[in-house]
Protein backbone atom coordinates (compact mmCIF):
# COMPACT_ATOMS: atom_id res chain seq x y z
CA UNK A 1 -30.20 -22.29 16.29
CA UNK A 2 -31.69 -20.24 19.12
CA UNK A 3 -31.20 -16.49 19.21
CA UNK A 4 -29.09 -16.57 22.37
CA UNK A 5 -26.72 -19.15 20.91
CA UNK A 6 -26.51 -17.20 17.66
CA UNK A 7 -25.60 -14.01 19.51
CA UNK A 8 -22.83 -15.85 21.37
CA UNK A 9 -21.37 -17.08 18.07
CA UNK A 10 -21.57 -13.57 16.62
CA UNK A 11 -19.86 -12.14 19.70
CA UNK A 12 -17.05 -14.70 19.43
CA UNK A 13 -16.44 -14.09 15.73
CA UNK A 14 -16.39 -10.30 16.02
CA UNK A 15 -14.08 -10.51 19.03
CA UNK A 16 -11.59 -12.54 16.98
CA UNK A 17 -11.61 -10.24 13.94
CA UNK A 18 -12.42 -6.55 13.54
CA UNK A 19 -14.22 -7.13 10.24
CA UNK A 20 -16.38 -10.17 9.54
CA UNK A 21 -18.18 -10.94 6.30
CA UNK A 22 -21.76 -12.18 6.19
CA UNK A 23 -20.48 -15.34 4.48
CA UNK A 24 -18.23 -15.98 7.49
CA UNK A 25 -21.29 -15.86 9.73
CA UNK A 26 -23.22 -18.08 7.32
CA UNK A 27 -20.47 -20.71 7.57
CA UNK A 28 -21.37 -20.97 11.29
CA UNK A 29 -25.09 -21.18 10.63
CA UNK A 30 -25.77 -17.50 11.31
CA UNK A 31 -28.43 -16.16 8.93
CA UNK A 32 -29.22 -12.54 8.10
CA UNK A 33 -32.13 -12.41 10.53
CA UNK A 34 -29.71 -13.16 13.38
CA UNK A 35 -27.40 -10.40 12.13
CA UNK A 36 -30.28 -7.92 12.15
CA UNK A 37 -31.12 -9.01 15.69
CA UNK A 38 -27.49 -8.52 16.73
CA UNK A 39 -27.57 -5.00 15.28
CA UNK A 40 -30.77 -4.23 17.19
CA UNK A 41 -29.15 -5.46 20.41
CA UNK A 42 -26.15 -3.18 19.83
CA UNK A 43 -23.76 -6.09 19.43
CA UNK A 44 -22.49 -5.36 15.91
CA UNK A 45 -22.51 -2.54 13.38
CA UNK A 46 -22.72 -2.83 9.61
CA UNK A 47 -19.72 -1.24 7.87
CA UNK A 48 -20.86 -1.87 4.33
CA UNK A 49 -22.51 -4.46 2.21
CA UNK A 50 -21.83 -7.81 3.87
CA UNK A 51 -19.29 -6.41 6.37
CA UNK A 52 -19.79 -6.23 10.14
CA UNK A 53 -17.77 -5.23 13.19
CA UNK A 54 -18.30 -5.38 16.93
CA UNK A 55 -19.62 -2.09 18.30
CA UNK A 56 -16.95 -1.94 20.99
CA UNK A 57 -13.99 -3.26 18.98
CA UNK A 58 -10.82 -1.23 19.56
CA UNK A 59 -9.88 -0.34 15.98
CA UNK A 60 -6.43 0.82 14.83
CA UNK A 61 -5.28 3.39 12.30
CA UNK A 62 -5.28 0.63 9.68
CA UNK A 63 -8.90 -0.39 10.16
CA UNK A 64 -9.72 0.61 6.58
CA UNK A 65 -6.93 -1.70 5.38
CA UNK A 66 -8.49 -4.60 7.28
CA UNK A 67 -11.89 -3.78 5.83
CA UNK A 68 -10.53 -3.75 2.28
CA UNK A 69 -8.62 -6.98 2.90
CA UNK A 70 -11.89 -8.66 3.81
CA UNK A 71 -13.57 -7.32 0.68
CA UNK A 72 -10.63 -8.18 -1.61
CA UNK A 73 -8.74 -11.09 0.02
CA UNK A 74 -6.30 -11.48 -2.89
CA UNK A 75 -5.64 -7.76 -3.24
CA UNK A 76 -2.24 -6.43 -2.14
CA UNK A 77 -1.76 -3.09 -0.39
CA UNK A 78 0.47 -1.05 -2.71
CA UNK A 79 1.94 2.35 -3.60
CA UNK A 80 0.88 5.20 -1.27
CA UNK A 81 -0.95 2.91 1.16
CA UNK A 82 2.05 0.57 1.37
CA UNK A 83 4.29 3.57 2.08
CA UNK A 84 1.96 4.56 4.90
CA UNK A 85 1.86 1.02 6.31
CA UNK A 86 5.66 0.75 6.33
CA UNK A 87 5.96 4.32 7.68
CA UNK A 88 8.10 5.39 4.76
CA UNK A 89 7.54 9.07 3.78
CA UNK A 90 4.61 11.07 5.16
CA UNK A 91 2.01 9.90 2.65
CA UNK A 92 -1.47 9.48 4.13
CA UNK A 93 -3.95 8.87 1.30
CA UNK A 94 -7.67 8.87 2.04
CA UNK A 95 -8.08 5.91 -0.35
CA UNK A 96 -6.70 2.42 0.19
CA UNK A 97 -4.45 1.59 -2.77
CA UNK A 98 -4.54 -2.08 -3.73
CA UNK A 99 -3.06 -4.16 -6.54
CA UNK A 100 -5.04 -6.90 -8.26
CA UNK A 101 -4.43 -9.12 -11.28
CA UNK A 102 -4.99 -7.94 -14.82
CA UNK A 103 -8.11 -10.08 -15.21
CA UNK A 104 -9.44 -9.90 -11.64
CA UNK A 105 -12.86 -8.40 -11.04
CA UNK A 106 -12.78 -4.85 -9.75
CA UNK A 107 -14.12 -4.53 -6.19
CA UNK A 108 -17.32 -2.60 -5.62
CA UNK A 109 -17.01 0.80 -4.03
CA UNK A 110 -18.56 -0.21 -0.74
CA UNK A 111 -17.29 1.10 2.58
CA UNK A 112 -13.68 2.32 2.65
CA UNK A 113 -12.63 4.12 -0.55
CA UNK A 114 -10.43 1.94 -2.76
CA UNK A 115 -8.03 2.83 -5.58
CA UNK A 116 -7.17 -0.12 -7.80
CA UNK A 117 -4.05 -0.82 -9.83
CA UNK A 118 -3.78 -3.81 -12.13
CA UNK A 119 -0.46 -5.65 -12.00
CA UNK A 120 0.95 -8.35 -14.24
CA UNK A 121 1.21 -11.82 -12.71
CA UNK A 122 5.00 -11.65 -12.05
CA UNK A 123 4.75 -8.16 -10.56
CA UNK A 124 1.76 -9.07 -8.39
CA UNK A 125 3.46 -12.20 -7.03
CA UNK A 126 6.80 -10.55 -6.24
CA UNK A 127 7.44 -8.92 -2.86
CA UNK A 128 4.22 -9.87 -1.08
CA UNK A 129 4.42 -9.87 2.73
CA UNK A 130 1.69 -11.06 5.08
CA UNK A 131 0.62 -9.17 8.21
CA UNK A 132 -2.29 -9.42 10.62
CA UNK A 133 -4.26 -6.25 11.32
CA UNK A 134 -7.14 -6.43 13.80
CA UNK A 135 -7.25 -10.19 13.33
CA UNK A 136 -7.48 -9.90 9.54
CA UNK A 137 -4.70 -11.29 7.26
CA UNK A 138 -3.31 -8.44 5.16
CA UNK A 139 -1.12 -8.67 2.05
CA UNK A 140 1.30 -5.75 1.65
CA UNK A 141 4.13 -5.28 -0.83
CA UNK A 142 7.58 -5.10 0.74
CA UNK A 143 9.34 -1.77 1.06
CA UNK A 144 11.72 -2.49 -1.83
CA UNK A 145 8.87 -3.56 -4.13
CA UNK A 146 6.86 -0.49 -3.14
CA UNK A 147 9.74 1.84 -4.00
CA UNK A 148 10.08 0.23 -7.44
CA UNK A 149 6.31 0.45 -7.95
CA UNK A 150 6.42 4.16 -7.11
CA UNK A 151 8.89 4.72 -9.95
CA UNK A 152 6.80 2.59 -12.30
CA UNK A 153 3.68 4.64 -11.51
CA UNK A 154 5.49 7.96 -11.11
CA UNK A 155 3.14 9.60 -13.62
CA UNK A 156 0.27 8.80 -11.24
CA UNK A 157 1.78 9.59 -7.85
CA UNK A 158 4.56 12.00 -8.86
CA UNK A 159 8.31 11.59 -9.20
CA UNK A 160 8.90 13.53 -5.98
CA UNK A 161 7.01 10.86 -4.01
CA UNK A 162 9.08 8.13 -5.64
CA UNK A 163 12.32 9.93 -4.79
CA UNK A 164 11.20 10.51 -1.21
CA UNK A 165 10.33 6.81 -0.90
CA UNK A 166 13.77 5.85 -2.22
CA UNK A 167 15.59 8.21 0.16
CA UNK A 168 13.61 7.29 3.25
CA UNK A 169 13.62 3.54 2.70
CA UNK A 170 17.42 3.52 2.48
CA UNK A 171 18.11 6.06 5.22
CA UNK A 172 15.76 4.23 7.61
CA UNK A 173 17.33 0.86 6.79
CA UNK A 174 14.00 -0.60 5.65
CA UNK A 175 15.38 -1.72 2.28
CA UNK A 176 18.79 -2.23 0.71
CA UNK A 177 19.97 -1.12 -2.71
CA UNK A 178 20.27 -4.75 -3.83
CA UNK A 179 16.66 -5.44 -2.79
CA UNK A 180 15.45 -2.34 -4.64
CA UNK A 181 17.45 -3.25 -7.74
CA UNK A 182 15.91 -6.73 -7.76
CA UNK A 183 12.41 -5.25 -7.45
CA UNK A 184 13.22 -2.72 -10.18
CA UNK A 185 14.09 -5.56 -12.54
CA UNK A 186 10.73 -7.22 -11.89
CA UNK A 187 8.90 -3.91 -12.37
CA UNK A 188 10.95 -3.14 -15.51
CA UNK A 189 12.19 0.21 -14.22
CA UNK A 190 15.83 -0.76 -13.61
CA UNK A 191 17.20 1.66 -16.22
CA UNK A 192 15.03 4.49 -14.92
CA UNK A 193 16.07 3.95 -11.30
CA UNK A 194 19.77 3.32 -11.93
CA UNK A 195 20.97 6.98 -11.88
CA UNK A 196 18.96 7.72 -8.73
CA UNK A 197 20.33 4.66 -6.94
CA UNK A 198 23.85 5.66 -7.96
CA UNK A 199 23.27 9.19 -6.69
CA UNK A 200 22.03 7.90 -3.33
CA UNK A 201 24.90 5.43 -2.96
CA UNK A 202 27.43 8.21 -3.66
CA UNK A 203 25.87 10.47 -1.05
CA UNK A 204 28.55 10.24 1.70
CA UNK A 205 31.42 10.51 -0.80
CA UNK A 206 30.12 13.48 -2.75
CA UNK A 207 29.69 15.46 0.46
CA UNK A 208 33.50 15.44 0.76
CA UNK A 209 34.35 15.77 -2.95
CA UNK A 210 31.39 16.96 -5.03
CA UNK A 211 31.63 15.74 -8.67
CA UNK A 212 29.64 18.23 -10.73
CA UNK A 213 25.91 18.33 -10.24
CA UNK A 214 25.96 15.29 -7.89
CA UNK A 215 27.04 17.76 -5.22
CA UNK A 216 23.37 18.58 -4.81
CA UNK A 217 22.52 15.18 -3.37
CA UNK A 218 21.20 15.47 0.15
CA UNK A 219 17.96 14.58 1.89
CA UNK A 220 15.04 16.97 1.63
CA UNK A 221 14.08 19.87 -0.64
CA UNK A 222 16.54 22.59 -1.56
CA UNK A 223 16.50 25.97 0.08
CA UNK A 224 14.86 27.64 -2.88
CA UNK A 225 11.85 25.31 -2.53
CA UNK A 226 12.57 23.73 -5.92
CA UNK A 227 12.59 20.06 -6.83
CA UNK A 228 14.30 17.42 -4.76
CA UNK A 229 18.07 17.73 -4.77
CA UNK A 230 18.23 14.01 -5.47
CA UNK A 231 16.42 14.70 -8.73
CA UNK A 232 18.76 17.62 -9.39
CA UNK A 233 21.73 15.32 -8.88
CA UNK A 234 20.77 13.19 -11.87
CA UNK A 235 21.80 14.61 -15.26
CA UNK A 236 18.87 15.90 -17.27
CA UNK A 237 19.44 13.39 -20.08
CA UNK A 238 19.12 10.49 -17.62
CA UNK A 239 15.88 11.66 -16.03
CA UNK A 240 12.61 10.04 -17.08
CA UNK A 241 10.59 12.21 -19.45
CA UNK A 242 7.34 13.57 -18.07
CA UNK A 243 4.35 11.48 -19.11
CA UNK A 244 6.71 8.95 -20.72
CA UNK A 245 4.99 5.97 -19.09
CA UNK A 246 2.02 4.47 -20.87
CA UNK A 247 -1.01 4.11 -18.59
CA UNK A 248 -1.00 0.52 -17.37
CA UNK A 249 -4.48 0.35 -15.90
CA UNK A 250 -4.49 2.30 -12.65
CA UNK A 251 -8.20 2.89 -12.15
CA UNK A 252 -9.66 6.05 -10.60
């Protein structure tokens, strides 16, 4: 293949997708020497090992998600990154949180920072949704599954984040209580989440007739700057004990 033809193929591939792997170029007969020539001509830029983008591609706020999706095609955006993608809560982690199988190979730290969580096969398969970001297919857990995951990994991300995710997902209409309960069953946190779901569902009623400590249920932190009032609404005996979850493989 002549250089001019190779550059045209490179231009077409990088126009179609924000992130292209070297193996994708190789499938079209584009060798590494052509990629180096394209870099020298200012056509593409190397993002990391085996990853390239067009120099003038108009990237979005989720460019790092697309980059990670190219590096780990079977990985699923989860936890804090899924909250950010769905615009639930104000979480904005600098790492891209992804879920992979228990026996999958860990991705190399190359390019965008990645935080890996290992999920069981049923948990990894449940609640996956497919999106396209900058021309790259992206797997993201649904809002309901993400909320349940936040409770499962509350010792890693904090109970306050899980409660905020629960409140916001319901108040914004991005998930229903039945969807969250179903996800909680899959994630094996149904008993842990039950009192919080009951507190949220009783919200409108308890405003008119507060039954004991459930009167504290309302969105946002309390005036004294203490813990979430949703957490305060749940009796102490029904709250999950701190550090009660065994570490299930969330890697640093």
